[in-house]
Structure formats: C-alpha cells, structure tokens
All heavy atoms as atom14 arrays in JSON, in Angstrom:
{
  "sequence": "PILVGEVGWPTAGRTRGPAETGLVNKARFVNLFVR",
  "atom14_mask": [
    [1, 1, 1, 1, 1, 1, 1, 0, 0, 0, 0, 0, 0, 0],
    [1, 1, 1, 1, 1, 1, 1, 1, 0, 0, 0, 0, 0, 0],
    [1, 1, 1, 1, 1, 1, 1, 1, 0, 0, 0, 0, 0, 0],
    [1, 1, 1, 1, 1, 1, 1, 0, 0, 0, 0, 0, 0, 0],
    [1, 1, 1, 1, 0, 0, 0, 0, 0, 0, 0, 0, 0, 0],
    [1, 1, 1, 1, 1, 1, 1, 1, 1, 0, 0, 0, 0, 0],
    [1, 1, 1, 1, 1, 1, 1, 0, 0, 0, 0, 0, 0, 0],
    [1, 1, 1, 1, 0, 0, 0, 0, 0, 0, 0, 0, 0, 0],
    [1, 1, 1, 1, 1, 1, 1, 1, 1, 1, 1, 1, 1, 1],
    [1, 1, 1, 1, 1, 1, 1, 0, 0, 0, 0, 0, 0, 0],
    [1, 1, 1, 1, 1, 1, 1, 0, 0, 0, 0, 0, 0, 0],
    [1, 1, 1, 1, 1, 0, 0, 0, 0, 0, 0, 0, 0, 0],
    [1, 1, 1, 1, 0, 0, 0, 0, 0, 0, 0, 0, 0, 0],
    [1, 1, 1, 1, 1, 1, 1, 1, 1, 1, 1, 0, 0, 0],
    [1, 1, 1, 1, 1, 1, 1, 0, 0, 0, 0, 0, 0, 0],
    [1, 1, 1, 1, 1, 1, 1, 1, 1, 1, 1, 0, 0, 0],
    [1, 1, 1, 1, 0, 0, 0, 0, 0, 0, 0, 0, 0, 0],
    [1, 1, 1, 1, 1, 1, 1, 0, 0, 0, 0, 0, 0, 0],
    [1, 1, 1, 1, 1, 0, 0, 0, 0, 0, 0, 0, 0, 0],
    [1, 1, 1, 1, 1, 1, 1, 1, 1, 0, 0, 0, 0, 0],
    [1, 1, 1, 1, 1, 1, 1, 0, 0, 0, 0, 0, 0, 0],
    [1, 1, 1, 1, 0, 0, 0, 0, 0, 0, 0, 0, 0, 0],
    [1, 1, 1, 1, 1, 1, 1, 1, 0, 0, 0, 0, 0, 0],
    [1, 1, 1, 1, 1, 1, 1, 0, 0, 0, 0, 0, 0, 0],
    [1, 1, 1, 1, 1, 1, 1, 1, 0, 0, 0, 0, 0, 0],
    [1, 1, 1, 1, 1, 1, 1, 1, 1, 0, 0, 0, 0, 0],
    [1, 1, 1, 1, 1, 0, 0, 0, 0, 0, 0, 0, 0, 0],
    [1, 1, 1, 1, 1, 1, 1, 1, 1, 1, 1, 0, 0, 0],
    [1, 1, 1, 1, 1, 1, 1, 1, 1, 1, 1, 0, 0, 0],
    [1, 1, 1, 1, 1, 1, 1, 0, 0, 0, 0, 0, 0, 0],
    [1, 1, 1, 1, 1, 1, 1, 1, 0, 0, 0, 0, 0, 0],
    [1, 1, 1, 1, 1, 1, 1, 1, 0, 0, 0, 0, 0, 0],
    [1, 1, 1, 1, 1, 1, 1, 1, 1, 1, 1, 0, 0, 0],
    [1, 1, 1, 1, 1, 1, 1, 0, 0, 0, 0, 0, 0, 0],
    [1, 1, 1, 1, 1, 1, 1, 1, 1, 1, 1, 0, 0, 0]
  ],
  "atom14_positions": [
    [[-7.15, 0.95, 23.36], [-6.86, 1.81, 22.2], [-5.97, 1.06, 21.19], [-5.13, 0.24, 21.58], [-6.12, 3.0, 22.79], [-6.51, 3.0, 24.24], [-6.71, 1.57, 24.62], [0.0, 0.0, 0.0], [0.0, 0.0, 0.0], [0.0, 0.0, 0.0], [0.0, 0.0, 0.0], [0.0, 0.0, 0.0], [0.0, 0.0, 0.0], [0.0, 0.0, 0.0]],
    [[-6.16, 1.38, 19.93], [-5.42, 0.69, 18.85], [-4.71, 1.75, 17.98], [-5.32, 2.73, 17.6], [-6.36, -0.14, 17.96], [-7.09, -1.22, 18.78], [-5.58, -0.78, 16.8], [-8.15, -2.0, 18.02], [0.0, 0.0, 0.0], [0.0, 0.0, 0.0], [0.0, 0.0, 0.0], [0.0, 0.0, 0.0], [0.0, 0.0, 0.0], [0.0, 0.0, 0.0]],
    [[-3.47, 1.48, 17.71], [-2.68, 2.28, 16.75], [-2.31, 1.38, 15.6], [-1.78, 0.27, 15.78], [-1.41, 2.82, 17.39], [-0.37, 3.43, 16.42], [-0.86, 4.73, 15.81], [0.97, 3.63, 17.12], [0.0, 0.0, 0.0], [0.0, 0.0, 0.0], [0.0, 0.0, 0.0], [0.0, 0.0, 0.0], [0.0, 0.0, 0.0], [0.0, 0.0, 0.0]],
    [[-2.6, 1.81, 14.37], [-2.1, 1.12, 13.19], [-0.65, 1.56, 13.0], [-0.39, 2.63, 12.42], [-2.95, 1.42, 11.95], [-2.4, 0.64, 10.74], [-4.41, 1.02, 12.21], [0.0, 0.0, 0.0], [0.0, 0.0, 0.0], [0.0, 0.0, 0.0], [0.0, 0.0, 0.0], [0.0, 0.0, 0.0], [0.0, 0.0, 0.0], [0.0, 0.0, 0.0]],
    [[0.28, 0.77, 13.5], [1.68, 1.19, 13.57], [2.41, 1.12, 12.26], [3.42, 1.8, 12.07], [0.0, 0.0, 0.0], [0.0, 0.0, 0.0], [0.0, 0.0, 0.0], [0.0, 0.0, 0.0], [0.0, 0.0, 0.0], [0.0, 0.0, 0.0], [0.0, 0.0, 0.0], [0.0, 0.0, 0.0], [0.0, 0.0, 0.0], [0.0, 0.0, 0.0]],
    [[1.95, 0.29, 11.33], [2.51, 0.22, 10.01], [1.41, -0.08, 9.02], [0.66, -1.04, 9.17], [3.61, -0.88, 9.89], [4.93, -0.5, 10.5], [6.02, -1.54, 10.2], [5.71, -2.54, 9.5], [7.15, -1.36, 10.68], [0.0, 0.0, 0.0], [0.0, 0.0, 0.0], [0.0, 0.0, 0.0], [0.0, 0.0, 0.0], [0.0, 0.0, 0.0]],
    [[1.34, 0.75, 7.99], [0.42, 0.51, 6.9], [1.03, 1.17, 5.67], [1.53, 2.29, 5.73], [-0.99, 1.05, 7.2], [-0.98, 2.56, 7.41], [-1.98, 0.67, 6.11], [0.0, 0.0, 0.0], [0.0, 0.0, 0.0], [0.0, 0.0, 0.0], [0.0, 0.0, 0.0], [0.0, 0.0, 0.0], [0.0, 0.0, 0.0], [0.0, 0.0, 0.0]],
    [[1.08, 0.46, 4.56], [1.72, 1.03, 3.37], [1.7, 0.09, 2.19], [1.05, -0.95, 2.24], [0.0, 0.0, 0.0], [0.0, 0.0, 0.0], [0.0, 0.0, 0.0], [0.0, 0.0, 0.0], [0.0, 0.0, 0.0], [0.0, 0.0, 0.0], [0.0, 0.0, 0.0], [0.0, 0.0, 0.0], [0.0, 0.0, 0.0], [0.0, 0.0, 0.0]],
    [[2.43, 0.49, 1.17], [2.47, -0.29, -0.06], [3.8, -0.04, -0.76], [4.27, 1.1, -0.81], [1.32, 0.11, -0.98], [0.97, -0.92, -2.03], [1.5, -1.0, -3.28], [0.05, -1.98, -1.88], [0.93, -2.08, -3.95], [0.04, -2.71, -3.09], [-0.76, -2.45, -0.85], [-0.74, -3.83, -3.32], [-1.56, -3.55, -1.05], [-1.55, -4.24, -2.27]],
    [[4.44, -1.09, -1.32], [5.74, -0.9, -2.0], [5.58, -0.37, -3.42], [4.59, -0.72, -4.12], [6.34, -2.31, -2.0], [5.15, -3.23, -1.99], [4.05, -2.53, -1.22], [0.0, 0.0, 0.0], [0.0, 0.0, 0.0], [0.0, 0.0, 0.0], [0.0, 0.0, 0.0], [0.0, 0.0, 0.0], [0.0, 0.0, 0.0], [0.0, 0.0, 0.0]],
    [[6.53, 0.4, -3.86], [6.5, 0.95, -5.22], [7.28, 0.11, -6.22], [7.21, 0.37, -7.43], [7.04, 2.39, -5.25], [8.34, 2.41, -4.65], [6.13, 3.32, -4.46], [0.0, 0.0, 0.0], [0.0, 0.0, 0.0], [0.0, 0.0, 0.0], [0.0, 0.0, 0.0], [0.0, 0.0, 0.0], [0.0, 0.0, 0.0], [0.0, 0.0, 0.0]],
    [[8.03, -0.86, -5.78], [8.78, -1.72, -6.68], [8.99, -3.09, -6.04], [8.89, -3.22, -4.82], [10.13, -1.08, -7.04], [0.0, 0.0, 0.0], [0.0, 0.0, 0.0], [0.0, 0.0, 0.0], [0.0, 0.0, 0.0], [0.0, 0.0, 0.0], [0.0, 0.0, 0.0], [0.0, 0.0, 0.0], [0.0, 0.0, 0.0], [0.0, 0.0, 0.0]],
    [[9.31, -4.06, -6.86], [9.51, -5.42, -6.37], [8.48, -6.37, -6.96], [7.64, -5.98, -7.78], [0.0, 0.0, 0.0], [0.0, 0.0, 0.0], [0.0, 0.0, 0.0], [0.0, 0.0, 0.0], [0.0, 0.0, 0.0], [0.0, 0.0, 0.0], [0.0, 0.0, 0.0], [0.0, 0.0, 0.0], [0.0, 0.0, 0.0], [0.0, 0.0, 0.0]],
    [[8.54, -7.61, -6.55], [7.72, -8.66, -7.14], [6.26, -8.53, -6.75], [5.88, -7.97, -5.73], [8.24, -10.02, -6.68], [8.27, -10.23, -5.19], [8.32, -11.69, -4.82], [7.04, -12.34, -5.13], [6.9, -13.61, -5.47], [7.94, -14.37, -5.56], [5.74, -14.12, -5.74], [0.0, 0.0, 0.0], [0.0, 0.0, 0.0], [0.0, 0.0, 0.0]],
    [[5.39, -9.05, -7.61], [3.97, -9.12, -7.35], [3.69, -10.35, -6.48], [4.32, -11.39, -6.63], [3.18, -9.27, -8.67], [3.41, -8.07, -9.45], [1.71, -9.44, -8.43], [0.0, 0.0, 0.0], [0.0, 0.0, 0.0], [0.0, 0.0, 0.0], [0.0, 0.0, 0.0], [0.0, 0.0, 0.0], [0.0, 0.0, 0.0], [0.0, 0.0, 0.0]],
    [[2.75, -10.2, -5.53], [2.3, -11.31, -4.69], [0.82, -11.52, -4.91], [0.02, -10.69, -4.47], [2.61, -11.05, -3.23], [4.05, -10.87, -2.88], [4.3, -10.85, -1.37], [4.15, -12.17, -0.79], [3.24, -12.52, 0.1], [2.36, -11.63, 0.52], [3.19, -13.75, 0.59], [0.0, 0.0, 0.0], [0.0, 0.0, 0.0], [0.0, 0.0, 0.0]],
    [[0.47, -12.58, -5.61], [-0.95, -12.79, -5.9], [-1.52, -11.6, -6.62], [-0.98, -11.13, -7.62], [0.0, 0.0, 0.0], [0.0, 0.0, 0.0], [0.0, 0.0, 0.0], [0.0, 0.0, 0.0], [0.0, 0.0, 0.0], [0.0, 0.0, 0.0], [0.0, 0.0, 0.0], [0.0, 0.0, 0.0], [0.0, 0.0, 0.0], [0.0, 0.0, 0.0]],
    [[-2.62, -11.03, -6.13], [-3.2, -9.84, -6.78], [-2.53, -8.54, -6.34], [-2.89, -7.46, -6.84], [-4.65, -9.87, -6.3], [-4.57, -10.53, -4.95], [-3.48, -11.54, -5.07], [0.0, 0.0, 0.0], [0.0, 0.0, 0.0], [0.0, 0.0, 0.0], [0.0, 0.0, 0.0], [0.0, 0.0, 0.0], [0.0, 0.0, 0.0], [0.0, 0.0, 0.0]],
    [[-1.58, -8.64, -5.42], [-0.91, -7.44, -4.88], [0.23, -7.03, -5.78], [1.33, -7.58, -5.71], [-0.42, -7.69, -3.47], [0.0, 0.0, 0.0], [0.0, 0.0, 0.0], [0.0, 0.0, 0.0], [0.0, 0.0, 0.0], [0.0, 0.0, 0.0], [0.0, 0.0, 0.0], [0.0, 0.0, 0.0], [0.0, 0.0, 0.0], [0.0, 0.0, 0.0]],
    [[-0.02, -6.05, -6.63], [0.98, -5.57, -7.57], [1.64, -4.31, -7.02], [0.97, -3.38, -6.61], [0.34, -5.26, -8.94], [-0.26, -6.48, -9.61], [-0.83, -6.15, -10.99], [-0.53, -5.06, -11.49], [-1.55, -6.99, -11.54], [0.0, 0.0, 0.0], [0.0, 0.0, 0.0], [0.0, 0.0, 0.0], [0.0, 0.0, 0.0], [0.0, 0.0, 0.0]],
    [[2.97, -4.3, -7.03], [3.7, -3.13, -6.62], [3.62, -2.05, -7.7], [3.18, -2.3, -8.82], [5.17, -3.44, -6.36], [5.79, -3.9, -7.58], [5.31, -4.57, -5.33], [0.0, 0.0, 0.0], [0.0, 0.0, 0.0], [0.0, 0.0, 0.0], [0.0, 0.0, 0.0], [0.0, 0.0, 0.0], [0.0, 0.0, 0.0], [0.0, 0.0, 0.0]],
    [[4.04, -0.85, -7.36], [4.04, 0.2, -8.36], [3.73, 1.57, -7.75], [3.1, 1.63, -6.67], [0.0, 0.0, 0.0], [0.0, 0.0, 0.0], [0.0, 0.0, 0.0], [0.0, 0.0, 0.0], [0.0, 0.0, 0.0], [0.0, 0.0, 0.0], [0.0, 0.0, 0.0], [0.0, 0.0, 0.0], [0.0, 0.0, 0.0], [0.0, 0.0, 0.0]],
    [[4.14, 2.6, -8.41], [3.91, 3.95, -7.92], [2.45, 4.32, -7.85], [1.97, 4.88, -6.86], [4.67, 4.94, -8.83], [4.87, 6.37, -8.29], [5.67, 6.35, -7.01], [5.57, 7.22, -9.33], [0.0, 0.0, 0.0], [0.0, 0.0, 0.0], [0.0, 0.0, 0.0], [0.0, 0.0, 0.0], [0.0, 0.0, 0.0], [0.0, 0.0, 0.0]],
    [[1.69, 4.01, -8.89], [0.27, 4.33, -8.91], [-0.45, 3.53, -7.82], [-1.31, 4.07, -7.11], [-0.34, 4.05, -10.3], [-1.88, 4.11, -10.24], [0.17, 5.06, -11.32], [0.0, 0.0, 0.0], [0.0, 0.0, 0.0], [0.0, 0.0, 0.0], [0.0, 0.0, 0.0], [0.0, 0.0, 0.0], [0.0, 0.0, 0.0], [0.0, 0.0, 0.0]],
    [[-0.11, 2.27, -7.69], [-0.77, 1.45, -6.65], [-0.46, 1.95, -5.26], [-1.34, 1.93, -4.38], [-0.37, 0.0, -6.8], [-1.22, -0.74, -7.81], [-2.26, -0.27, -8.22], [-0.79, -1.92, -8.21], [0.0, 0.0, 0.0], [0.0, 0.0, 0.0], [0.0, 0.0, 0.0], [0.0, 0.0, 0.0], [0.0, 0.0, 0.0], [0.0, 0.0, 0.0]],
    [[0.76, 2.39, -5.02], [1.08, 2.95, -3.69], [0.28, 4.22, -3.44], [-0.28, 4.41, -2.34], [2.56, 3.24, -3.56], [2.92, 3.78, -2.17], [4.38, 4.09, -2.02], [4.71, 4.56, -0.61], [4.56, 3.51, 0.39], [0.0, 0.0, 0.0], [0.0, 0.0, 0.0], [0.0, 0.0, 0.0], [0.0, 0.0, 0.0], [0.0, 0.0, 0.0]],
    [[0.25, 5.11, -4.45], [-0.5, 6.33, -4.27], [-1.97, 6.07, -4.02], [-2.63, 6.67, -3.15], [-0.34, 7.22, -5.51], [0.0, 0.0, 0.0], [0.0, 0.0, 0.0], [0.0, 0.0, 0.0], [0.0, 0.0, 0.0], [0.0, 0.0, 0.0], [0.0, 0.0, 0.0], [0.0, 0.0, 0.0], [0.0, 0.0, 0.0], [0.0, 0.0, 0.0]],
    [[-2.56, 5.11, -4.79], [-3.96, 4.75, -4.59], [-4.18, 4.19, -3.2], [-5.19, 4.52, -2.53], [-4.39, 3.74, -5.65], [-4.48, 4.29, -7.07], [-4.75, 3.17, -8.08], [-5.99, 2.47, -7.74], [-6.17, 1.18, -7.94], [-5.21, 0.43, -8.47], [-7.32, 0.59, -7.61], [0.0, 0.0, 0.0], [0.0, 0.0, 0.0], [0.0, 0.0, 0.0]],
    [[-3.29, 3.3, -2.76], [-3.44, 2.67, -1.45], [-3.38, 3.68, -0.33], [-4.25, 3.7, 0.57], [-2.38, 1.59, -1.25], [-2.44, 0.95, 0.12], [-3.28, -0.11, 0.35], [-1.66, 1.44, 1.16], [-3.37, -0.69, 1.6], [-1.73, 0.86, 2.42], [-2.58, -0.2, 2.66], [0.0, 0.0, 0.0], [0.0, 0.0, 0.0], [0.0, 0.0, 0.0]],
    [[-2.35, 4.51, -0.34], [-2.21, 5.49, 0.76], [-3.36, 6.48, 0.74], [-3.9, 6.84, 1.79], [-0.87, 6.24, 0.65], [-0.73, 7.31, 1.72], [0.31, 5.23, 0.78], [0.0, 0.0, 0.0], [0.0, 0.0, 0.0], [0.0, 0.0, 0.0], [0.0, 0.0, 0.0], [0.0, 0.0, 0.0], [0.0, 0.0, 0.0], [0.0, 0.0, 0.0]],
    [[-3.76, 6.9, -0.42], [-4.88, 7.83, -0.56], [-6.15, 7.2, -0.01], [-6.91, 7.81, 0.76], [-5.06, 8.2, -2.01], [-6.2, 9.18, -2.25], [-7.37, 8.79, -2.24], [-5.86, 10.44, -2.47], [0.0, 0.0, 0.0], [0.0, 0.0, 0.0], [0.0, 0.0, 0.0], [0.0, 0.0, 0.0], [0.0, 0.0, 0.0], [0.0, 0.0, 0.0]],
    [[-6.37, 5.94, -0.38], [-7.56, 5.2, 0.1], [-7.51, 5.05, 1.62], [-8.52, 5.27, 2.32], [-7.6, 3.82, -0.57], [-8.64, 2.8, -0.13], [-9.01, 1.89, -1.31], [-8.14, 1.91, 1.02], [0.0, 0.0, 0.0], [0.0, 0.0, 0.0], [0.0, 0.0, 0.0], [0.0, 0.0, 0.0], [0.0, 0.0, 0.0], [0.0, 0.0, 0.0]],
    [[-6.36, 4.69, 2.15], [-6.28, 4.45, 3.59], [-6.45, 5.72, 4.38], [-7.13, 5.72, 5.42], [-4.9, 3.81, 3.95], [-4.78, 3.6, 5.44], [-5.34, 2.5, 6.06], [-4.1, 4.56, 6.22], [-5.26, 2.34, 7.42], [-4.02, 4.38, 7.58], [-4.58, 3.27, 8.21], [0.0, 0.0, 0.0], [0.0, 0.0, 0.0], [0.0, 0.0, 0.0]],
    [[-5.87, 6.82, 3.95], [-5.98, 8.08, 4.7], [-7.45, 8.51, 4.78], [-7.91, 8.97, 5.83], [-5.09, 9.16, 4.04], [-5.41, 10.53, 4.65], [-3.62, 8.83, 4.23], [0.0, 0.0, 0.0], [0.0, 0.0, 0.0], [0.0, 0.0, 0.0], [0.0, 0.0, 0.0], [0.0, 0.0, 0.0], [0.0, 0.0, 0.0], [0.0, 0.0, 0.0]],
    [[-8.17, 8.35, 3.66], [-9.57, 8.74, 3.69], [-10.38, 7.78, 4.58], [-11.29, 8.18, 5.29], [-10.13, 8.74, 2.29], [-9.62, 9.94, 1.45], [-10.32, 10.08, 0.11], [-9.8, 9.14, -0.87], [-10.47, 8.12, -1.35], [-11.7, 7.9, -0.95], [-9.93, 7.31, -2.25], [0.0, 0.0, 0.0], [0.0, 0.0, 0.0], [0.0, 0.0, 0.0]]
  ]
}
C-alpha cells in the first residue's frame, strides 16, 4: 500500500524553473491533485 504523505504547493517564495509560487497556483495544484 502507498500513502502520498506530502503533496502541496507554496504560495510565496522564489520560482524554480517553471514552478511558480502563488496563491492561484497553489489553489490550482491542490484542486487538480484532489480530483
């Protein structure tokens, strides 16, 4: 059995490559992952 023990996205801080932080991006990511 597998548990995804941590999954998320930061709302502030530096960008890493194409990974941009931000409130909208966090909401989109969590919404996408839950579905």
